[in-house]
C-alpha atoms as a PDB file:
ATOM      1  CA  MET A   1     -10.112   1.578 -15.113  1.00  0.00           C
ATOM      2  CA  SER A   2     -11.107   0.290 -12.187  1.00  0.00           C
ATOM      3  CA  GLN A   3     -13.600   1.451  -8.940  1.00  0.00           C
ATOM      4  CA  VAL A   4     -10.212   2.678  -7.273  1.00  0.00           C
ATOM      5  CA  GLN A   5      -8.836   4.096  -9.412  1.00  0.00           C
ATOM      6  CA  GLY A   6     -11.596   5.969 -11.101  1.00  0.00           C
ATOM      7  CA  GLN A   7     -12.582   7.506  -7.322  1.00  0.00           C
ATOM      8  CA  LEU A   8      -9.496   8.671  -7.028  1.00  0.00           C
ATOM      9  CA  ASP A   9      -8.732   9.907 -10.485  1.00  0.00           C
ATOM     10  CA  GLY A  10      -6.803  14.042 -10.444  1.00  0.00           C
ATOM     11  CA  SER A  11     -10.035  15.082 -11.980  1.00  0.00           C
ATOM     12  CA  ASN A  12     -12.685  13.725  -9.605  1.00  0.00           C
ATOM     13  CA  PRO A  13     -14.149  16.971  -8.091  1.00  0.00           C
ATOM     14  CA  GLU A  14     -14.628  14.975  -4.863  1.00  0.00           C
ATOM     15  CA  TYR A  15     -10.738  13.624  -4.203  1.00  0.00           C
ATOM     16  CA  ILE A  16     -10.481  16.390  -1.667  1.00  0.00           C
ATOM     17  CA  ASN A  17     -13.551  15.385   0.229  1.00  0.00           C
ATOM     18  CA  ILE A  18     -13.345  11.767  -0.321  1.00  0.00           C
ATOM     19  CA  THR A  19      -9.621  11.446   0.676  1.00  0.00           C
ATOM     20  CA  ASN A  20     -10.173  13.491   3.902  1.00  0.00           C
ATOM     21  CA  GLN A  21     -13.472  11.472   4.551  1.00  0.00           C
ATOM     22  CA  ILE A  22     -11.233   8.176   4.777  1.00  0.00           C
ATOM     23  CA  TYR A  23      -9.164   9.546   7.145  1.00  0.00           C
ATOM     24  CA  ASP A  24     -11.607  11.214   9.343  1.00  0.00           C
ATOM     25  CA  VAL A  25     -13.630   7.822   9.728  1.00  0.00           C
ATOM     26  CA  LEU A  26     -10.320   6.098  10.369  1.00  0.00           C
ATOM     27  CA  THR A  27      -9.681   8.406  13.007  1.00  0.00           C
ATOM     28  CA  LYS A  28     -13.008   9.023  14.369  1.00  0.00           C
ATOM     29  CA  VAL A  29     -14.169   7.684  18.337  1.00  0.00           C
ATOM     30  CA  PRO A  30     -15.050   5.376  17.865  1.00  0.00           C
ATOM     31  CA  ILE A  31     -12.681   4.244  15.847  1.00  0.00           C
ATOM     32  CA  PRO A  32     -14.104   1.642  13.090  1.00  0.00           C
ATOM     33  CA  LYS A  33     -12.498  -2.078  13.403  1.00  0.00           C
ATOM     34  CA  VAL A  34     -10.524  -2.253  10.237  1.00  0.00           C
ATOM     35  CA  GLY A  35      -6.838  -3.175  11.213  1.00  0.00           C
ATOM     36  CA  VAL A  36      -5.115  -0.637  10.197  1.00  0.00           C
ATOM     37  CA  PRO A  37      -2.082  -0.548  12.392  1.00  0.00           C
ATOM     38  CA  PRO A  38      -1.763   2.942  14.062  1.00  0.00           C
ATOM     39  CA  ALA A  39       1.800   3.147  11.953  1.00  0.00           C
ATOM     40  CA  VAL A  40      -0.272   2.968   8.673  1.00  0.00           C
ATOM     41  CA  ILE A  41      -2.418   5.715   9.630  1.00  0.00           C
ATOM     42  CA  THR A  42       0.327   8.097  10.172  1.00  0.00           C
ATOM     43  CA  GLN A  43       1.928   7.608   7.013  1.00  0.00           C
ATOM     44  CA  PHE A  44      -1.834   8.565   5.418  1.00  0.00           C
ATOM     45  CA  LYS A  45      -2.128  11.869   7.312  1.00  0.00           C
ATOM     46  CA  ASP A  46       1.368  12.334   6.516  1.00  0.00           C
ATOM     47  CA  LEU A  47       0.545  12.281   2.565  1.00  0.00           C
ATOM     48  CA  LEU A  48      -2.644  13.918   2.820  1.00  0.00           C
ATOM     49  CA  ASP A  49      -1.828  16.614   5.004  1.00  0.00           C
ATOM     50  CA  PRO A  50       0.453  18.235   2.148  1.00  0.00           C
ATOM     51  CA  VAL A  51      -2.213  17.784  -0.544  1.00  0.00           C
ATOM     52  CA  ASN A  52      -5.069  19.281   1.933  1.00  0.00           C
ATOM     53  CA  ALA A  53      -2.617  22.549   2.386  1.00  0.00           C
ATOM     54  CA  SER A  54      -1.337  22.456  -1.253  1.00  0.00           C
ATOM     55  CA  TRP A  55      -5.290  22.843  -1.847  1.00  0.00           C
ATOM     56  CA  GLU A  56      -5.943  25.548  -0.264  1.00  0.00           C
ATOM     57  CA  ILE A  57      -3.684  27.653  -2.655  1.00  0.00           C
ATOM     58  CA  VAL A  58      -4.586  26.391  -5.649  1.00  0.00           C
ATOM     59  CA  LYS A  59      -8.020  26.059  -5.512  1.00  0.00           C
ATOM     60  CA  ASN A  60      -8.755  29.699  -6.680  1.00  0.00           C
ATOM     61  CA  LYS A  61      -7.344  29.500 -10.105  1.00  0.00           C
ATOM     62  CA  LYS A  62      -7.149  33.281  -9.973  1.00  0.00           C
ATOM     63  CA  THR A  63      -4.373  33.907  -7.417  1.00  0.00           C
ATOM     64  CA  SER A  64      -2.517  30.415  -7.829  1.00  0.00           C
ATOM     65  CA  THR A  65       1.228  29.755  -9.340  1.00  0.00           C
ATOM     66  CA  THR A  66       2.225  26.907 -12.129  1.00  0.00           C
ATOM     67  CA  VAL A  67       4.793  26.384  -9.549  1.00  0.00           C
ATOM     68  CA  GLN A  68       2.181  25.998  -6.601  1.00  0.00           C
ATOM     69  CA  LEU A  69       0.014  24.592  -8.357  1.00  0.00           C
ATOM     70  CA  THR A  70       3.025  21.722  -9.433  1.00  0.00           C
ATOM     71  CA  LEU A  71       3.205  21.290  -5.644  1.00  0.00           C
ATOM     72  CA  PHE A  72      -0.226  20.572  -5.980  1.00  0.00           C
ATOM     73  CA  ASN A  73      -0.088  17.474  -8.226  1.00  0.00           C
ATOM     74  CA  ILE A  74       3.224  16.019  -6.898  1.00  0.00           C
ATOM     75  CA  ASN A  75       1.951  15.486  -3.601  1.00  0.00           C
ATOM     76  CA  ARG A  76      -1.768  14.765  -4.645  1.00  0.00           C
ATOM     77  CA  ASP A  77      -0.248  11.361  -7.014  1.00  0.00           C
ATOM     78  CA  ALA A  78       1.563  10.711  -3.935  1.00  0.00           C
ATOM     79  CA  LEU A  79      -1.511  10.238  -1.461  1.00  0.00           C
ATOM     80  CA  THR A  80      -2.929   8.702  -4.793  1.00  0.00           C
ATOM     81  CA  THR A  81       0.012   6.321  -5.299  1.00  0.00           C
ATOM     82  CA  PHE A  82       0.087   5.336  -1.020  1.00  0.00           C
ATOM     83  CA  LEU A  83      -4.578   5.354  -0.948  1.00  0.00           C
ATOM     84  CA  ARG A  84      -4.950   2.904  -4.153  1.00  0.00           C
ATOM     85  CA  PRO A  85      -3.538  -0.110  -2.745  1.00  0.00           C
ATOM     86  CA  PHE A  86      -4.133   1.253   1.042  1.00  0.00           C
ATOM     87  CA  ILE A  87      -7.728   0.983   0.140  1.00  0.00           C
ATOM     88  CA  GLN A  88      -8.108  -2.748  -1.959  1.00  0.00           C
ATOM     89  CA  GLN A  89      -6.515  -3.844   1.547  1.00  0.00           C
ATOM     90  CA  TRP A  90      -8.535  -2.197   4.384  1.00  0.00           C
ATOM     91  CA  PHE A  91     -11.950  -1.683   2.556  1.00  0.00           C
ATOM     92  CA  TYR A  92     -12.715  -3.545  -0.539  1.00  0.00           C
ATOM     93  CA  ASN A  93     -10.131  -6.913   0.626  1.00  0.00           C
ATOM     94  CA  ASN A  94     -10.468  -6.399   4.251  1.00  0.00           C
ATOM     95  CA  PRO A  95     -14.055  -8.502   5.782  1.00  0.00           C
ATOM     96  CA  LEU A  96     -13.793  -6.742   9.073  1.00  0.00           C
ATOM     97  CA  ALA A  97     -14.842  -3.553   6.466  1.00  0.00           C
ATOM     98  CA  THR A  98     -18.751  -3.275   6.455  1.00  0.00           C
ATOM     99  CA  ASN A  99     -20.664  -1.939   3.879  1.00  0.00           C
ATOM    100  CA  ASP A 100     -21.963   0.988   6.167  1.00  0.00           C
ATOM    101  CA  ILE A 101     -17.584   1.295   6.705  1.00  0.00           C
ATOM    102  CA  ILE A 102     -16.988   1.470   3.361  1.00  0.00           C
ATOM    103  CA  GLN A 103     -19.733   3.969   2.250  1.00  0.00           C
ATOM    104  CA  SER A 104     -19.029   5.783   5.382  1.00  0.00           C
ATOM    105  CA  THR A 105     -16.260   6.865   3.665  1.00  0.00           C
ATOM    106  CA  GLY A 106     -17.751   8.129   0.556  1.00  0.00           C
ATOM    107  CA  LEU A 107     -16.793   5.473  -1.260  1.00  0.00           C
ATOM    108  CA  ARG A 108     -18.711   3.220  -3.869  1.00  0.00           C
ATOM    109  CA  LEU A 109     -18.490  -0.719  -2.642  1.00  0.00           C
ATOM    110  CA  HIS A 110     -17.306  -2.831  -4.162  1.00  0.00           C
ATOM    111  CA  SER A 111     -18.572  -5.816  -1.864  1.00  0.00           C
ATOM    112  CA  THR A 112     -17.594  -8.933  -4.870  1.00  0.00           C
ATOM    113  CA  THR A 113     -12.949  -7.764  -3.753  1.00  0.00           C
ATOM    114  CA  ARG A 114     -14.032  -7.170  -0.531  1.00  0.00           C
ATOM    115  CA  VAL A 115     -15.395 -10.491   0.900  1.00  0.00           C
ATOM    116  CA  SER A 116     -14.409 -12.746  -2.003  1.00  0.00           C
ATOM    117  CA  HIS A 117     -11.005 -14.341  -1.383  1.00  0.00           C
ATOM    118  CA  ALA A 118     -11.315 -16.104  -5.219  1.00  0.00           C
ATOM    119  CA  GLY A 119      -7.999 -15.499  -7.245  1.00  0.00           C
ATOM    120  CA  GLN A 120      -5.811 -15.767  -3.961  1.00  0.00           C
ATOM    121  CA  PRO A 121      -2.357 -16.928  -4.912  1.00  0.00           C
ATOM    122  CA  LYS A 122      -1.781 -20.509  -3.345  1.00  0.00           C
ATOM    123  CA  GLU A 123       1.763 -20.829  -3.802  1.00  0.00           C
ATOM    124  CA  ILE A 124       4.069 -19.585  -1.423  1.00  0.00           C
ATOM    125  CA  PRO A 125       7.260 -18.170  -2.453  1.00  0.00           C
ATOM    126  CA  VAL A 126      11.090 -19.861  -1.448  1.00  0.00           C
ATOM    127  CA  VAL A 127      12.859 -16.459  -0.758  1.00  0.00           C
ATOM    128  CA  GLY A 128      16.509 -15.873  -0.335  1.00  0.00           C
ATOM    129  CA  ILE A 129      17.922 -12.093   0.325  1.00  0.00           C
ATOM    130  CA  THR A 130      21.376 -10.942  -0.069  1.00  0.00           C
ATOM    131  CA  PRO A 131      21.957  -7.106   1.027  1.00  0.00           C
ATOM    132  CA  ILE A 132      23.538  -4.620  -2.255  1.00  0.00           C
ATOM    133  CA  ALA A 133      25.638  -1.956  -2.786  1.00  0.00           C
ATOM    134  CA  GLY A 134      23.312   1.520  -1.664  1.00  0.00           C
ATOM    135  CA  HIS A 135      21.721  -0.519   1.743  1.00  0.00           C
ATOM    136  CA  GLY A 136      19.314  -2.125  -0.130  1.00  0.00           C
ATOM    137  CA  PHE A 137      18.703  -6.426  -1.080  1.00  0.00           C
ATOM    138  CA  ASN A 138      18.421  -8.523  -3.539  1.00  0.00           C
ATOM    139  CA  ALA A 139      15.449 -11.162  -3.422  1.00  0.00           C
ATOM    140  CA  ASN A 140      16.114 -14.182  -5.751  1.00  0.00           C
ATOM    141  CA  VAL A 141      12.160 -15.174  -5.379  1.00  0.00           C
ATOM    142  CA  ARG A 142      11.381 -19.401  -6.354  1.00  0.00           C
ATOM    143  CA  ASN A 143       7.682 -21.086  -6.712  1.00  0.00           C
ATOM    144  CA  GLU A 144       7.264 -24.340  -5.290  1.00  0.00           C
ATOM    145  CA  GLN A 145       9.176 -26.042  -8.666  1.00  0.00           C
ATOM    146  CA  GLY A 146      12.387 -23.766  -7.691  1.00  0.00           C
ATOM    147  CA  LYS A 147      11.263 -21.913 -10.941  1.00  0.00           C
ATOM    148  CA  LYS A 148      11.750 -17.942 -11.110  1.00  0.00           C
ATOM    149  CA  ALA A 149       8.136 -18.251 -13.264  1.00  0.00           C
ATOM    150  CA  LYS A 150       5.388 -16.283 -11.618  1.00  0.00           C
ATOM    151  CA  PRO A 151       2.478 -19.191 -10.671  1.00  0.00           C
ATOM    152  CA  ASN A 152      -0.837 -18.722 -12.830  1.00  0.00           C
ATOM    153  CA  PHE A 153      -3.048 -16.094 -12.074  1.00  0.00           C
ATOM    154  CA  VAL A 154      -0.303 -14.217 -10.387  1.00  0.00           C
ATOM    155  CA  GLY A 155       0.660 -10.393 -11.801  1.00  0.00           C
ATOM    156  CA  THR A 156       3.057  -9.501  -8.699  1.00  0.00           C
ATOM    157  CA  THR A 157       5.181 -10.554  -5.986  1.00  0.00           C
ATOM    158  CA  ARG A 158       5.297  -8.023  -3.564  1.00  0.00           C
ATOM    159  CA  VAL A 159       7.495  -6.928  -0.383  1.00  0.00           C
ATOM    160  CA  ARG A 160       6.101  -6.156   3.184  1.00  0.00           C
ATOM    161  CA  TYR A 161       8.979  -4.779   5.297  1.00  0.00           C
ATOM    162  CA  PHE A 162       8.715  -3.114   8.572  1.00  0.00           C
ATOM    163  CA  ILE A 163      11.569  -0.844   9.498  1.00  0.00           C
ATOM    164  CA  GLY A 164      13.072  -0.831  13.841  1.00  0.00           C
ATOM    165  CA  ILE A 165      12.006  -3.116  16.123  1.00  0.00           C
ATOM    166  CA  GLY A 166       8.502  -4.603  17.469  1.00  0.00           C
ATOM    167  CA  ALA A 167       7.878  -5.668  13.988  1.00  0.00           C
ATOM    168  CA  PRO A 168       4.117  -6.652  13.742  1.00  0.00           C
ATOM    169  CA  ALA A 169       3.574 -10.706  14.110  1.00  0.00           C
ATOM    170  CA  ASN A 170       1.669 -11.198  10.925  1.00  0.00           C
ATOM    171  CA  PRO A 171       3.215  -9.703   7.737  1.00  0.00           C
ATOM    172  CA  TRP A 172       0.091  -8.136   6.479  1.00  0.00           C
ATOM    173  CA  GLU A 173       0.006  -5.478   8.784  1.00  0.00           C
ATOM    174  CA  PHE A 174       3.435  -4.693   7.724  1.00  0.00           C
ATOM    175  CA  PRO A 175       2.549  -0.643   7.174  1.00  0.00           C
ATOM    176  CA  LEU A 176       5.166  -0.565   4.226  1.00  0.00           C
ATOM    177  CA  PHE A 177       5.468  -2.438   1.223  1.00  0.00           C
ATOM    178  CA  LYS A 178       6.490  -2.540  -2.840  1.00  0.00           C
ATOM    179  CA  ASP A 179       5.003  -4.478  -5.699  1.00  0.00           C
ATOM    180  CA  PHE A 180       7.964  -5.889  -7.571  1.00  0.00           C
ATOM    181  CA  THR A 181       7.075  -7.824 -11.958  1.00  0.00           C
ATOM    182  CA  ARG A 182      10.798  -8.749 -12.133  1.00  0.00           C
ATOM    183  CA  ASN A 183      12.793 -11.230 -10.301  1.00  0.00           C
ATOM    184  CA  PRO A 184      15.108 -11.276  -8.746  1.00  0.00           C
ATOM    185  CA  ILE A 185      13.854  -7.876  -7.399  1.00  0.00           C
ATOM    186  CA  ASN A 186      16.097  -5.109  -6.010  1.00  0.00           C
ATOM    187  CA  LEU A 187      14.883  -3.807  -2.690  1.00  0.00           C
ATOM    188  CA  MET A 188      16.178  -0.423  -1.927  1.00  0.00           C
ATOM    189  CA  ILE A 189      16.051   1.621   1.377  1.00  0.00           C
ATOM    190  CA  PRO A 190      16.631   5.115   2.491  1.00  0.00           C
ATOM    191  CA  ALA A 191      20.269   5.837   3.743  1.00  0.00           C
ATOM    192  CA  GLU A 192      18.516   7.145   6.913  1.00  0.00           C
ATOM    193  CA  PHE A 193      17.482   3.453   7.991  1.00  0.00           C
ATOM    194  CA  ALA A 194      21.029   2.247   7.393  1.00  0.00           C
ATOM    195  CA  GLY A 195      21.964  -0.813  10.593  1.00  0.00           C
ATOM    196  CA  GLN A 196      18.255  -0.871  11.521  1.00  0.00           C
ATOM    197  CA  MET A 197      16.864  -4.005  11.517  1.00  0.00           C
ATOM    198  CA  ILE A 198      14.208  -4.554   8.968  1.00  0.00           C
ATOM    199  CA  THR A 199      11.439  -7.423   8.908  1.00  0.00           C
ATOM    200  CA  ILE A 200      10.957  -8.218   5.119  1.00  0.00           C
ATOM    201  CA  ALA A 201       7.847 -10.855   3.713  1.00  0.00           C
ATOM    202  CA  ILE A 202       7.015 -11.814   0.290  1.00  0.00           C
ATOM    203  CA  CYS A 203       4.198 -13.003  -0.911  1.00  0.00           C
ATOM    204  CA  TYR A 204       2.329 -13.497  -4.509  1.00  0.00           C
ATOM    205  CA  VAL A 205      -0.930 -11.213  -5.176  1.00  0.00           C
ATOM    206  CA  SER A 206      -3.603 -11.477  -7.860  1.00  0.00           C
ATOM    207  CA  THR A 207      -4.200 -10.640 -11.776  1.00  0.00           C
ATOM    208  CA  THR A 208      -5.948  -7.926  -9.993  1.00  0.00           C
ATOM    209  CA  GLY A 209      -3.631  -6.642  -7.579  1.00  0.00           C
ATOM    210  CA  ALA A 210      -6.507  -6.525  -5.070  1.00  0.00           C
ATOM    211  CA  VAL A 211      -5.671 -10.161  -3.218  1.00  0.00           C
ATOM    212  CA  GLU A 212      -2.335 -11.172  -1.352  1.00  0.00           C
ATOM    213  CA  GLY A 213      -1.449 -14.947  -1.196  1.00  0.00           C
ATOM    214  CA  ASN A 214       0.245 -16.541   1.563  1.00  0.00           C
ATOM    215  CA  TYR A 215       3.959 -15.316   2.652  1.00  0.00           C
ATOM    216  CA  CYS A 216       6.800 -16.285   2.849  1.00  0.00           C
ATOM    217  CA  VAL A 217       9.021 -17.248   5.829  1.00  0.00           C
ATOM    218  CA  VAL A 218       9.974 -14.000   7.917  1.00  0.00           C
ATOM    219  CA  ILE A 219      13.157 -12.533   7.263  1.00  0.00           C
ATOM    220  CA  VAL A 220      15.211 -10.614   9.689  1.00  0.00           C
ATOM    221  CA  THR A 221      17.623  -8.608   9.344  1.00  0.00           C
ATOM    222  CA  LYS A 222      19.575  -5.231   9.117  1.00  0.00           C
ATOM    223  CA  VAL A 223      19.961  -2.303   6.813  1.00  0.00           C
ATOM    224  CA  PRO A 224      23.326  -2.691   5.064  1.00  0.00           C
END
């Protein structure tokens, strides 16, 4: 089990404290300069609030119901899925995140992945994207030899995307991303975003899931 997984395990009695402390540190004044975009902070809060609300109900086991506990588990799992790569990117693999900042969140230090870029995939994927039914895209990803196979030491292919106008210049700052192990990739977008601009960039990710490689040429199109 990785260090992030252990700290965010649902059975960890400090789960509620740690997740709230991470958010508090990132939003207190002065805000630590670790580079988290405001849109990502908003996404964090939108997932954290339901967990806190559910926890206030289920923390009293004598009065909570099975339905209420199930809702809490669903909310917690959604937050955990968001936080695992979030913590890797913005704390453990971010040179701007000092040891003091990491410790202030309640997270354990993990300096070997936070400051080192060893294992970073060197190849830049070549990508072709076509729209598909259901408001999505089919992405064919090729390595530098023009093959579908992932390069050595690559675990997944990461698709980062930004919906709307005003995408950051650096794909690393796109707030939304999904990881895929299969190629071609089917990236599905919720129907409510149909017709909106979407900016997409794709990179290879190390086998540990902690280090992103360089991104392909950014693709700007509309959600079908």
